[in-house]
């Protein structure tokens, strides 16, 4: 080495790399562990390395406890939702008269899932049901719109025609529009409208998996109102 050459300063990264590559360092320097003093982020006082490790472990345990509590809460919520869905489905299965199915479906959704306003329209029904309120009032535009939905629409009430089916359209701040279909048929045969005065209840960013299940079950129940569809068209 030339006289004018100087050694590069040792950095924290150098020290960290050395300790990582020398696992037996603290075995040889055991007394150093007891002498190391760190600053506690809680009390801002100097604590030993062992005490700081204990604090970190307690923080980690607390974080895990919070996650476990959240998982338990979600589990309870999911169980409650599954129970309500089962009760709703049971009421549909117990309904003898097909013409009563739309009202039973709407009433049970309102009662079990606390949805303030609900409306159901079905088209292409059997002649025996053509004069029922649920079979009237859907325009060609609404039918086309329902068939265009690949998943439930959720968002603000922007004066959509389907909102006018509600008892009090003016108070509906947010809507969920769920198309009713026979199996995988592209054409919808009905539309289920859920409405709330809470603008966030059916927000545009909400997940629609549960609403899709509601739509599938409602479609299956209300298929009794329609002519039998050949299997190759379902």
Protein backbone atom coordinates (compact mmCIF):
# COMPACT_ATOMS: atom_id res chain seq x y z
CA UNK A 1 0.00 0.00 0.00
CA UNK A 2 1.31 3.44 -0.93
CA UNK A 3 1.88 5.95 1.89
CA UNK A 4 -0.83 8.30 0.56
CA UNK A 5 -3.42 5.56 0.30
CA UNK A 6 -6.14 5.62 2.99
CA UNK A 7 -8.48 2.92 4.13
CA UNK A 8 -12.18 3.36 3.27
CA UNK A 9 -14.25 4.08 6.39
CA UNK A 10 -16.22 1.18 7.81
CA UNK A 11 -19.94 1.67 7.29
CA UNK A 12 -22.97 0.29 9.12
CA UNK A 13 -23.58 -1.98 6.16
CA UNK A 14 -20.09 -3.39 6.55
CA UNK A 15 -20.73 -4.12 10.22
CA UNK A 16 -24.13 -5.68 9.49
CA UNK A 17 -22.65 -7.87 6.75
CA UNK A 18 -19.81 -8.98 9.04
CA UNK A 19 -22.22 -9.95 11.84
CA UNK A 20 -24.46 -11.78 9.37
CA UNK A 21 -21.52 -13.73 8.03
CA UNK A 22 -20.04 -14.37 11.50
CA UNK A 23 -22.83 -16.01 13.55
CA UNK A 24 -20.46 -17.08 16.33
CA UNK A 25 -19.26 -13.52 17.02
CA UNK A 26 -21.56 -13.02 20.03
CA UNK A 27 -20.63 -16.44 21.35
CA UNK A 28 -17.07 -15.27 21.59
CA UNK A 29 -18.12 -11.82 22.81
CA UNK A 30 -20.96 -12.80 25.15
CA UNK A 31 -20.30 -9.94 27.55
CA UNK A 32 -20.94 -7.48 24.74
CA UNK A 33 -24.61 -8.46 24.58
CA UNK A 34 -25.14 -7.45 28.19
CA UNK A 35 -23.42 -4.14 27.60
CA UNK A 36 -25.39 -3.11 24.52
CA UNK A 37 -27.87 -0.32 25.28
CA UNK A 38 -30.75 0.59 22.93
CA UNK A 39 -33.40 3.30 23.03
CA UNK A 40 -36.92 2.09 23.70
CA UNK A 41 -39.47 3.60 21.26
CA UNK A 42 -42.04 3.57 24.08
CA UNK A 43 -40.24 5.12 27.05
CA UNK A 44 -37.35 6.71 25.10
CA UNK A 45 -34.95 5.45 27.75
CA UNK A 46 -31.94 3.23 27.32
CA UNK A 47 -32.72 -0.48 27.68
CA UNK A 48 -30.68 -3.63 27.33
CA UNK A 49 -30.70 -5.66 24.13
CA UNK A 50 -32.62 -8.43 25.89
CA UNK A 51 -35.28 -5.98 27.09
CA UNK A 52 -35.62 -4.48 23.61
CA UNK A 53 -36.01 -7.97 22.15
CA UNK A 54 -38.72 -8.67 24.72
CA UNK A 55 -40.51 -5.45 23.71
CA UNK A 56 -40.35 -6.44 20.04
CA UNK A 57 -41.71 -9.88 20.88
CA UNK A 58 -44.60 -8.35 22.84
CA UNK A 59 -45.38 -6.06 19.90
CA UNK A 60 -45.37 -9.01 17.54
CA UNK A 61 -47.66 -11.00 19.83
CA UNK A 62 -50.03 -8.03 20.11
CA UNK A 63 -50.14 -7.76 16.31
CA UNK A 64 -50.92 -11.46 16.00
CA UNK A 65 -53.65 -11.17 18.65
CA UNK A 66 -55.26 -8.31 16.70
CA UNK A 67 -55.15 -10.34 13.48
CA UNK A 68 -56.64 -13.36 15.25
CA UNK A 69 -59.43 -11.21 16.71
CA UNK A 70 -60.16 -9.80 13.25
CA UNK A 71 -60.28 -13.30 11.75
CA UNK A 72 -62.69 -14.41 14.49
CA UNK A 73 -64.88 -11.36 13.88
CA UNK A 74 -64.98 -12.04 10.14
CA UNK A 75 -65.78 -15.69 10.88
CA UNK A 76 -68.73 -14.69 13.06
CA UNK A 77 -69.96 -12.25 10.40
CA UNK A 78 -69.70 -14.89 7.67
CA UNK A 79 -71.57 -17.40 9.83
CA UNK A 80 -74.34 -14.87 10.46
CA UNK A 81 -74.62 -14.11 6.73
CA UNK A 82 -74.69 -17.81 5.83
CA UNK A 83 -77.41 -18.37 8.42
CA UNK A 84 -79.54 -15.54 6.99
CA UNK A 85 -79.03 -16.81 3.45
CA UNK A 86 -80.15 -20.27 4.51
CA UNK A 87 -83.28 -18.88 6.20
CA UNK A 88 -84.11 -16.83 3.11
CA UNK A 89 -83.67 -19.84 0.82
CA UNK A 90 -85.82 -21.95 3.14
CA UNK A 91 -88.66 -19.44 2.87
CA UNK A 92 -88.47 -19.55 -0.92
CA UNK A 93 -88.62 -23.36 -0.89
CA UNK A 94 -91.63 -23.30 1.45
CA UNK A 95 -93.60 -20.98 -0.84
CA UNK A 96 -96.26 -23.10 -2.55
CA UNK A 97 -97.78 -20.54 -4.91
CA UNK A 98 -95.35 -19.42 -7.62
CA UNK A 99 -97.07 -16.04 -7.89
CA UNK A 100 -96.08 -15.31 -4.28
CA UNK A 101 -92.35 -15.87 -4.86
CA UNK A 102 -91.38 -12.29 -5.84
CA UNK A 103 -93.02 -10.79 -2.77
CA UNK A 104 -91.61 -13.48 -0.46
CA UNK A 105 -88.11 -13.00 -1.89
CA UNK A 106 -88.31 -9.23 -1.46
CA UNK A 107 -89.82 -9.31 2.03
CA UNK A 108 -87.26 -11.77 3.33
CA UNK A 109 -84.30 -9.87 1.87
CA UNK A 110 -85.63 -6.69 3.49
CA UNK A 111 -86.12 -8.36 6.87
CA UNK A 112 -82.97 -10.50 7.03
CA UNK A 113 -80.45 -8.20 5.35
CA UNK A 114 -82.00 -4.87 6.40
CA UNK A 115 -82.45 -3.51 2.90
CA UNK A 116 -84.89 -0.56 3.07
CA UNK A 117 -86.39 -0.83 -0.42
CA UNK A 118 -86.64 -3.71 -2.88
CA UNK A 119 -88.37 -4.21 -6.21
CA UNK A 120 -88.53 -7.18 -8.57
CA UNK A 121 -89.72 -7.29 -12.15
CA UNK A 122 -89.97 -10.44 -14.27
CA UNK A 123 -90.81 -10.63 -17.97
CA UNK A 124 -91.59 -13.50 -20.32
CA UNK A 125 -93.77 -15.15 -17.66
CA UNK A 126 -96.47 -17.74 -18.19
CA UNK A 127 -99.91 -16.32 -19.20
CA UNK A 128 -101.29 -17.13 -15.75
CA UNK A 129 -98.94 -14.54 -14.22
CA UNK A 130 -98.98 -11.89 -16.95
CA UNK A 131 -101.29 -9.58 -15.00
CA UNK A 132 -99.35 -9.73 -11.74
CA UNK A 133 -97.67 -6.44 -10.68
CA UNK A 134 -94.21 -8.01 -10.86
CA UNK A 135 -94.78 -8.87 -14.56
CA UNK A 136 -95.69 -5.33 -15.61
CA UNK A 137 -93.82 -2.05 -15.96
CA UNK A 138 -90.48 -3.15 -17.41
CA UNK A 139 -89.71 -1.37 -20.68
CA UNK A 140 -87.65 -2.74 -23.55
CA UNK A 141 -84.81 -0.44 -22.47
CA UNK A 142 -84.76 -1.96 -18.99
CA UNK A 143 -84.83 -5.49 -20.43
CA UNK A 144 -81.90 -4.65 -22.70
CA UNK A 145 -80.02 -3.03 -19.81
CA UNK A 146 -80.56 -6.06 -17.57
CA UNK A 147 -79.27 -8.41 -20.27
CA UNK A 148 -76.17 -6.22 -20.70
CA UNK A 149 -75.16 -6.67 -17.06
CA UNK A 150 -72.53 -9.37 -16.62
CA UNK A 151 -72.55 -8.74 -12.86
CA UNK A 152 -74.69 -6.67 -10.46
CA UNK A 153 -74.56 -2.92 -10.90
CA UNK A 154 -73.80 -0.99 -7.72
CA UNK A 155 -73.70 2.77 -7.50
CA UNK A 156 -75.54 6.00 -7.03
CA UNK A 157 -79.14 6.45 -8.06
CA UNK A 158 -78.74 8.45 -11.26
CA UNK A 159 -82.37 8.40 -12.26
CA UNK A 160 -82.33 4.89 -13.71
CA UNK A 161 -85.73 3.66 -14.83
CA UNK A 162 -85.58 0.63 -12.55
CA UNK A 163 -85.38 2.95 -9.53
CA UNK A 164 -88.90 4.12 -10.34
CA UNK A 165 -90.21 0.68 -9.36
CA UNK A 166 -89.40 1.47 -5.72
CA UNK A 167 -91.98 2.77 -3.27
CA UNK A 168 -89.91 5.90 -2.63
CA UNK A 169 -87.41 6.43 -5.47
CA UNK A 170 -86.39 9.88 -4.22
CA UNK A 171 -84.95 8.46 -0.99
CA UNK A 172 -82.83 5.83 -2.77
CA UNK A 173 -79.27 7.21 -2.69
CA UNK A 174 -77.56 4.00 -3.78
CA UNK A 175 -78.74 1.00 -5.79
CA UNK A 176 -77.82 -2.59 -6.51
CA UNK A 177 -79.34 -3.90 -9.76
CA UNK A 178 -79.09 -7.68 -10.04
CA UNK A 179 -79.98 -9.37 -13.35
CA UNK A 180 -82.01 -12.58 -13.20
CA UNK A 181 -81.06 -15.30 -15.67
CA UNK A 182 -81.89 -18.91 -16.43
CA UNK A 183 -78.58 -20.71 -16.00
CA UNK A 184 -75.93 -19.26 -18.31
CA UNK A 185 -78.44 -17.80 -20.78
CA UNK A 186 -77.22 -14.37 -21.98
CA UNK A 187 -80.69 -12.82 -21.88
CA UNK A 188 -82.02 -11.71 -18.51
CA UNK A 189 -85.64 -12.49 -17.65
CA UNK A 190 -85.88 -10.12 -14.71
CA UNK A 191 -84.20 -7.55 -12.50
CA UNK A 192 -83.87 -7.38 -8.72
CA UNK A 193 -83.45 -3.85 -7.35
CA UNK A 194 -82.04 -3.18 -3.87
CA UNK A 195 -81.97 0.40 -2.62
CA UNK A 196 -80.77 2.33 0.41
CA UNK A 197 -80.82 5.93 1.60
CA UNK A 198 -77.15 5.42 2.55
CA UNK A 199 -75.02 6.46 -0.43
CA UNK A 200 -72.26 4.06 0.68
CA UNK A 201 -74.47 0.98 1.17
CA UNK A 202 -74.19 -0.07 -2.47
CA UNK A 203 -71.05 1.77 -3.51
CA UNK A 204 -69.47 1.34 -6.93
CA UNK A 205 -66.34 -0.22 -5.38
CA UNK A 206 -68.08 -2.89 -3.32
CA UNK A 207 -67.64 -6.57 -4.09
CA UNK A 208 -70.54 -8.27 -5.81
CA UNK A 209 -69.95 -11.96 -5.01
CA UNK A 210 -72.72 -12.10 -2.40
CA UNK A 211 -75.13 -10.17 -4.63
CA UNK A 212 -74.41 -12.62 -7.44
CA UNK A 213 -75.36 -15.52 -5.15
CA UNK A 214 -78.58 -13.70 -4.28
CA UNK A 215 -79.25 -13.27 -7.98
CA UNK A 216 -78.62 -16.93 -8.74
CA UNK A 217 -80.98 -18.13 -6.01
CA UNK A 218 -83.66 -15.60 -6.92
CA UNK A 219 -83.38 -16.63 -10.58
CA UNK A 220 -83.76 -20.30 -9.69
CA UNK A 221 -86.83 -19.61 -7.55
CA UNK A 222 -88.57 -17.31 -10.03
CA UNK A 223 -87.98 -19.68 -12.93
CA UNK A 224 -91.27 -21.29 -11.81
CA UNK A 225 -93.02 -18.24 -13.25
CA UNK A 226 -91.72 -18.85 -16.76
CA UNK A 227 -92.22 -21.42 -19.51
CA UNK A 228 -89.95 -24.46 -19.33
CA UNK A 229 -86.77 -23.72 -21.24
CA UNK A 230 -85.21 -26.55 -23.29
CA UNK A 231 -81.93 -27.71 -21.69
CA UNK A 232 -79.91 -26.78 -24.78
CA UNK A 233 -80.99 -23.14 -24.36
CA UNK A 234 -80.04 -22.89 -20.69
